[in-house]
Amino acid sequence: QVQLVESGGGLVQTGGSLRLSCAASGIIFRFNTMEWYRQAPGKERELVARISSGGDTNYADSVKGRFTISRDNAKNMVYLQMNSLKLEDTAVYYCRSFTRNSWGKGTQVTVSS
């Protein structure tokens, strides 16, 4: 059974940083392309960042240069380092295994002025 558990969300001021973590189990992690999505109130869920099994990364234009996705295959973890946070980054952030189409339950990130 695939399980993805996010952590690291919280309240931060504009310009601040947070690091989200996602612990994966029930999958052969190193073979999975992993993603971070987010969903703001009243908006559709959107892809934020993706990292392939080989380590190639892609980002939404809105976060390029501010967010970094990374993975640790030895620990079955994927991370999202978020810097220079803006009010519009406020959302629930979800971890997803693209390969298995499985989702975590999300972690709330709130950016305040």
N, C-alpha and C. Protein backbone atom coordinates (compact mmCIF):
# COMPACT_ATOMS: atom_id res chain seq x y z
N GLN A 1 0.85 -1.19 0.00
CA GLN A 1 0.00 0.00 0.00
C GLN A 1 0.89 1.24 0.00
N VAL A 2 0.62 2.12 -0.95
CA VAL A 2 1.40 3.34 -1.05
C VAL A 2 0.98 4.31 0.04
N GLN A 3 1.96 4.88 0.70
CA GLN A 3 1.68 5.91 1.70
C GLN A 3 2.66 7.07 1.52
N LEU A 4 2.11 8.26 1.45
CA LEU A 4 2.90 9.48 1.32
C LEU A 4 2.48 10.41 2.45
N VAL A 5 3.44 10.83 3.25
CA VAL A 5 3.13 11.66 4.41
C VAL A 5 3.95 12.94 4.36
N GLU A 6 3.24 14.06 4.22
CA GLU A 6 3.90 15.36 4.15
C GLU A 6 4.09 15.94 5.55
N SER A 7 5.12 16.76 5.68
CA SER A 7 5.34 17.50 6.92
C SER A 7 6.13 18.77 6.59
N GLY A 8 6.18 19.66 7.57
CA GLY A 8 6.99 20.86 7.41
C GLY A 8 6.22 22.14 7.12
N GLY A 9 4.92 22.02 6.92
CA GLY A 9 4.13 23.22 6.68
C GLY A 9 4.02 24.08 7.93
N GLY A 10 3.47 25.27 7.75
CA GLY A 10 3.31 26.16 8.89
C GLY A 10 3.03 27.58 8.45
N LEU A 11 3.18 28.48 9.40
CA LEU A 11 2.94 29.90 9.17
C LEU A 11 4.28 30.61 9.05
N VAL A 12 4.43 31.41 8.01
CA VAL A 12 5.69 32.11 7.79
C VAL A 12 5.38 33.48 7.20
N GLN A 13 6.24 34.44 7.46
CA GLN A 13 6.05 35.77 6.91
C GLN A 13 6.56 35.84 5.46
N THR A 14 6.06 36.81 4.74
CA THR A 14 6.55 37.01 3.38
C THR A 14 8.06 37.19 3.38
N GLY A 15 8.69 36.57 2.39
CA GLY A 15 10.13 36.59 2.31
C GLY A 15 10.83 35.48 3.05
N GLY A 16 10.07 34.76 3.85
CA GLY A 16 10.64 33.68 4.65
C GLY A 16 10.80 32.39 3.87
N SER A 17 11.21 31.36 4.59
CA SER A 17 11.48 30.05 3.97
C SER A 17 10.83 28.93 4.77
N LEU A 18 10.50 27.88 4.08
CA LEU A 18 10.03 26.63 4.68
C LEU A 18 10.58 25.48 3.86
N ARG A 19 10.74 24.35 4.53
CA ARG A 19 11.14 23.13 3.84
C ARG A 19 10.10 22.06 4.10
N LEU A 20 9.46 21.63 3.04
CA LEU A 20 8.49 20.55 3.15
C LEU A 20 9.19 19.21 2.91
N SER A 21 8.69 18.20 3.61
CA SER A 21 9.21 16.86 3.45
C SER A 21 8.06 15.91 3.14
N CYS A 22 8.37 14.87 2.41
CA CYS A 22 7.39 13.83 2.11
C CYS A 22 8.07 12.48 2.28
N ALA A 23 7.53 11.69 3.19
CA ALA A 23 8.04 10.35 3.45
C ALA A 23 7.20 9.35 2.67
N ALA A 24 7.86 8.53 1.88
CA ALA A 24 7.15 7.56 1.04
C ALA A 24 7.39 6.14 1.53
N SER A 25 6.35 5.33 1.44
CA SER A 25 6.46 3.92 1.74
C SER A 25 5.52 3.15 0.83
N GLY A 26 5.79 1.85 0.69
CA GLY A 26 4.94 1.02 -0.15
C GLY A 26 5.26 1.11 -1.63
N ILE A 27 6.34 1.79 -1.97
CA ILE A 27 6.76 1.91 -3.37
C ILE A 27 8.26 1.70 -3.46
N ILE A 28 8.72 1.34 -4.66
CA ILE A 28 10.17 1.30 -4.89
C ILE A 28 10.55 2.73 -5.25
N PHE A 29 10.88 3.47 -4.23
CA PHE A 29 10.94 4.93 -4.33
C PHE A 29 11.87 5.40 -5.44
N ARG A 30 13.00 4.76 -5.57
CA ARG A 30 14.01 5.29 -6.50
C ARG A 30 13.54 5.23 -7.96
N PHE A 31 12.52 4.45 -8.23
CA PHE A 31 11.99 4.33 -9.58
C PHE A 31 10.82 5.29 -9.84
N ASN A 32 10.43 6.04 -8.81
CA ASN A 32 9.24 6.88 -8.93
C ASN A 32 9.58 8.33 -9.24
N THR A 33 8.85 8.88 -10.21
CA THR A 33 8.84 10.32 -10.39
C THR A 33 7.93 10.92 -9.32
N MET A 34 8.44 11.91 -8.61
CA MET A 34 7.71 12.50 -7.50
C MET A 34 7.38 13.96 -7.78
N GLU A 35 6.26 14.40 -7.23
CA GLU A 35 5.79 15.75 -7.50
C GLU A 35 5.29 16.42 -6.23
N TRP A 36 5.31 17.73 -6.26
CA TRP A 36 4.62 18.56 -5.28
C TRP A 36 3.55 19.36 -6.02
N TYR A 37 2.35 19.30 -5.49
CA TYR A 37 1.23 20.11 -5.95
C TYR A 37 0.81 21.05 -4.82
N ARG A 38 0.01 22.03 -5.19
CA ARG A 38 -0.60 22.87 -4.17
C ARG A 38 -2.01 23.27 -4.60
N GLN A 39 -2.82 23.56 -3.60
CA GLN A 39 -4.19 24.01 -3.87
C GLN A 39 -4.53 25.13 -2.91
N ALA A 40 -4.77 26.29 -3.48
CA ALA A 40 -5.18 27.44 -2.69
C ALA A 40 -6.70 27.47 -2.60
N PRO A 41 -7.25 28.14 -1.60
CA PRO A 41 -8.71 28.21 -1.45
C PRO A 41 -9.37 28.76 -2.71
N GLY A 42 -10.37 28.03 -3.19
CA GLY A 42 -11.11 28.47 -4.35
C GLY A 42 -10.41 28.27 -5.67
N LYS A 43 -9.26 27.63 -5.65
CA LYS A 43 -8.50 27.43 -6.89
C LYS A 43 -8.28 25.94 -7.14
N GLU A 44 -7.93 25.62 -8.38
CA GLU A 44 -7.64 24.24 -8.71
C GLU A 44 -6.25 23.85 -8.21
N ARG A 45 -6.10 22.56 -8.01
CA ARG A 45 -4.80 22.04 -7.63
C ARG A 45 -3.83 22.22 -8.80
N GLU A 46 -2.62 22.67 -8.49
CA GLU A 46 -1.64 22.92 -9.55
C GLU A 46 -0.31 22.27 -9.23
N LEU A 47 0.38 21.85 -10.29
CA LEU A 47 1.70 21.26 -10.14
C LEU A 47 2.71 22.35 -9.82
N VAL A 48 3.49 22.11 -8.80
CA VAL A 48 4.51 23.06 -8.37
C VAL A 48 5.89 22.63 -8.88
N ALA A 49 6.22 21.36 -8.67
CA ALA A 49 7.55 20.88 -9.03
C ALA A 49 7.52 19.38 -9.21
N ARG A 50 8.43 18.89 -10.03
CA ARG A 50 8.54 17.47 -10.32
C ARG A 50 10.01 17.09 -10.34
N ILE A 51 10.28 15.89 -9.85
CA ILE A 51 11.63 15.35 -9.95
C ILE A 51 11.54 13.91 -10.42
N SER A 52 12.26 13.61 -11.47
CA SER A 52 12.21 12.27 -12.03
C SER A 52 13.07 11.31 -11.22
N SER A 53 12.97 10.04 -11.57
CA SER A 53 13.81 9.05 -10.89
C SER A 53 15.28 9.33 -11.14
N GLY A 54 15.59 9.95 -12.24
CA GLY A 54 16.97 10.29 -12.55
C GLY A 54 17.44 11.62 -12.01
N GLY A 55 16.52 12.34 -11.37
CA GLY A 55 16.89 13.61 -10.75
C GLY A 55 16.61 14.84 -11.59
N ASP A 56 16.02 14.67 -12.78
CA ASP A 56 15.64 15.84 -13.57
C ASP A 56 14.48 16.56 -12.90
N THR A 57 14.52 17.88 -12.95
CA THR A 57 13.51 18.68 -12.25
C THR A 57 12.77 19.63 -13.19
N ASN A 58 11.53 19.89 -12.85
CA ASN A 58 10.71 20.87 -13.55
C ASN A 58 9.94 21.67 -12.52
N TYR A 59 9.69 22.95 -12.86
CA TYR A 59 9.00 23.83 -11.93
C TYR A 59 7.92 24.65 -12.64
N ALA A 60 6.90 24.99 -11.89
CA ALA A 60 5.94 25.95 -12.37
C ALA A 60 6.64 27.31 -12.50
N ASP A 61 6.22 28.09 -13.49
CA ASP A 61 6.85 29.39 -13.69
C ASP A 61 6.77 30.27 -12.45
N SER A 62 5.69 30.12 -11.71
CA SER A 62 5.45 30.97 -10.55
C SER A 62 6.43 30.72 -9.41
N VAL A 63 7.15 29.59 -9.43
CA VAL A 63 8.06 29.27 -8.32
C VAL A 63 9.50 29.13 -8.76
N LYS A 64 9.76 29.23 -10.05
CA LYS A 64 11.12 29.09 -10.55
C LYS A 64 12.05 30.10 -9.89
N GLY A 65 13.20 29.61 -9.46
CA GLY A 65 14.17 30.47 -8.81
C GLY A 65 13.94 30.65 -7.32
N ARG A 66 12.79 30.21 -6.83
CA ARG A 66 12.48 30.34 -5.40
C ARG A 66 12.35 28.98 -4.71
N PHE A 67 11.83 28.00 -5.41
CA PHE A 67 11.61 26.67 -4.84
C PHE A 67 12.59 25.68 -5.45
N THR A 68 12.97 24.70 -4.64
CA THR A 68 13.85 23.63 -5.10
C THR A 68 13.31 22.29 -4.62
N ILE A 69 13.11 21.38 -5.56
CA ILE A 69 12.69 20.02 -5.23
C ILE A 69 13.93 19.14 -5.22
N SER A 70 13.97 18.22 -4.27
CA SER A 70 15.10 17.29 -4.19
C SER A 70 14.60 15.97 -3.62
N ARG A 71 15.43 14.97 -3.71
CA ARG A 71 15.06 13.65 -3.20
C ARG A 71 16.25 12.97 -2.58
N ASP A 72 15.95 12.08 -1.64
CA ASP A 72 16.95 11.24 -1.00
C ASP A 72 16.44 9.81 -1.14
N ASN A 73 16.95 9.10 -2.11
CA ASN A 73 16.47 7.74 -2.36
C ASN A 73 16.81 6.79 -1.23
N ALA A 74 17.86 7.05 -0.51
CA ALA A 74 18.24 6.18 0.61
C ALA A 74 17.23 6.27 1.75
N LYS A 75 16.57 7.45 1.85
CA LYS A 75 15.61 7.67 2.94
C LYS A 75 14.16 7.63 2.45
N ASN A 76 13.96 7.42 1.16
CA ASN A 76 12.60 7.45 0.59
C ASN A 76 11.91 8.77 0.89
N MET A 77 12.64 9.86 0.67
CA MET A 77 12.12 11.19 0.98
C MET A 77 12.22 12.10 -0.23
N VAL A 78 11.24 12.97 -0.34
CA VAL A 78 11.31 14.06 -1.32
C VAL A 78 11.05 15.35 -0.56
N TYR A 79 11.73 16.40 -0.99
CA TYR A 79 11.69 17.67 -0.26
C TYR A 79 11.30 18.81 -1.19
N LEU A 80 10.77 19.85 -0.61
CA LEU A 80 10.52 21.08 -1.35
C LEU A 80 11.03 22.23 -0.49
N GLN A 81 12.15 22.81 -0.90
CA GLN A 81 12.69 23.98 -0.22
C GLN A 81 12.04 25.21 -0.84
N MET A 82 11.39 26.00 -0.02
CA MET A 82 10.65 27.17 -0.50
C MET A 82 11.27 28.42 0.11
N ASN A 83 11.81 29.27 -0.72
CA ASN A 83 12.43 30.52 -0.29
C ASN A 83 11.66 31.71 -0.86
N SER A 84 11.92 32.86 -0.28
CA SER A 84 11.29 34.11 -0.75
C SER A 84 9.79 33.94 -0.91
N LEU A 85 9.17 33.40 0.11
CA LEU A 85 7.75 33.08 0.04
C LEU A 85 6.90 34.34 -0.10
N LYS A 86 5.83 34.18 -0.88
CA LYS A 86 4.90 35.27 -1.16
C LYS A 86 3.52 34.90 -0.63
N LEU A 87 2.68 35.92 -0.50
CA LEU A 87 1.32 35.67 -0.02
C LEU A 87 0.62 34.64 -0.89
N GLU A 88 0.86 34.71 -2.18
CA GLU A 88 0.18 33.81 -3.11
C GLU A 88 0.69 32.38 -3.07
N ASP A 89 1.70 32.11 -2.27
CA ASP A 89 2.14 30.73 -2.07
C ASP A 89 1.31 30.02 -1.00
N THR A 90 0.43 30.74 -0.35
CA THR A 90 -0.44 30.13 0.66
C THR A 90 -1.33 29.07 0.01
N ALA A 91 -1.26 27.86 0.53
CA ALA A 91 -2.01 26.74 -0.05
C ALA A 91 -1.76 25.49 0.79
N VAL A 92 -2.54 24.47 0.50
CA VAL A 92 -2.22 23.14 0.99
C VAL A 92 -1.30 22.50 -0.04
N TYR A 93 -0.18 21.98 0.42
CA TYR A 93 0.82 21.38 -0.46
C TYR A 93 0.74 19.86 -0.34
N TYR A 94 0.69 19.21 -1.50
CA TYR A 94 0.53 17.76 -1.57
C TYR A 94 1.74 17.12 -2.26
N CYS A 95 2.10 16.00 -1.74
CA CYS A 95 3.12 15.15 -2.36
C CYS A 95 2.40 14.11 -3.22
N ARG A 96 2.96 13.82 -4.36
CA ARG A 96 2.36 12.83 -5.24
C ARG A 96 3.42 11.98 -5.89
N SER A 97 3.11 10.68 -5.98
CA SER A 97 3.90 9.79 -6.82
C SER A 97 3.25 9.79 -8.19
N PHE A 98 3.91 10.39 -9.15
CA PHE A 98 3.38 10.39 -10.52
C PHE A 98 3.32 8.97 -11.04
N THR A 99 4.31 8.18 -10.71
CA THR A 99 4.41 6.82 -11.24
C THR A 99 3.26 5.96 -10.77
N ARG A 100 2.86 6.13 -9.53
CA ARG A 100 1.79 5.32 -8.94
C ARG A 100 0.47 6.08 -8.81
N ASN A 101 0.46 7.34 -9.22
CA ASN A 101 -0.72 8.19 -9.09
C ASN A 101 -1.31 8.12 -7.67
N SER A 102 -0.44 8.34 -6.71
CA SER A 102 -0.86 8.30 -5.31
C SER A 102 -0.54 9.63 -4.65
N TRP A 103 -1.42 10.04 -3.73
CA TRP A 103 -1.32 11.35 -3.10
C TRP A 103 -1.17 11.24 -1.59
N GLY A 104 -0.47 12.22 -1.03
CA GLY A 104 -0.50 12.40 0.40
C GLY A 104 -1.71 13.22 0.80
N LYS A 105 -1.86 13.46 2.10
CA LYS A 105 -3.02 14.19 2.60
C LYS A 105 -2.79 15.70 2.64
N GLY A 106 -1.57 16.12 2.47
CA GLY A 106 -1.28 17.54 2.38
C GLY A 106 -0.79 18.16 3.67
N THR A 107 -0.13 19.30 3.51
CA THR A 107 0.33 20.09 4.63
C THR A 107 0.07 21.57 4.31
N GLN A 108 -0.43 22.29 5.29
CA GLN A 108 -0.83 23.68 5.06
C GLN A 108 0.38 24.60 5.16
N VAL A 109 0.49 25.47 4.16
CA VAL A 109 1.49 26.54 4.20
C VAL A 109 0.74 27.86 4.14
N THR A 110 0.98 28.70 5.12
CA THR A 110 0.34 30.01 5.18
C THR A 110 1.41 31.08 5.24
N VAL A 111 1.35 31.99 4.30
CA VAL A 111 2.30 33.09 4.25
C VAL A 111 1.56 34.37 4.63
N SER A 112 2.07 35.06 5.62
CA SER A 112 1.41 36.28 6.10
C SER A 112 2.30 37.50 5.88
N SER A 113 1.64 38.64 5.84
CA SER A 113 2.40 39.89 5.61
C SER A 113 2.84 40.51 6.91
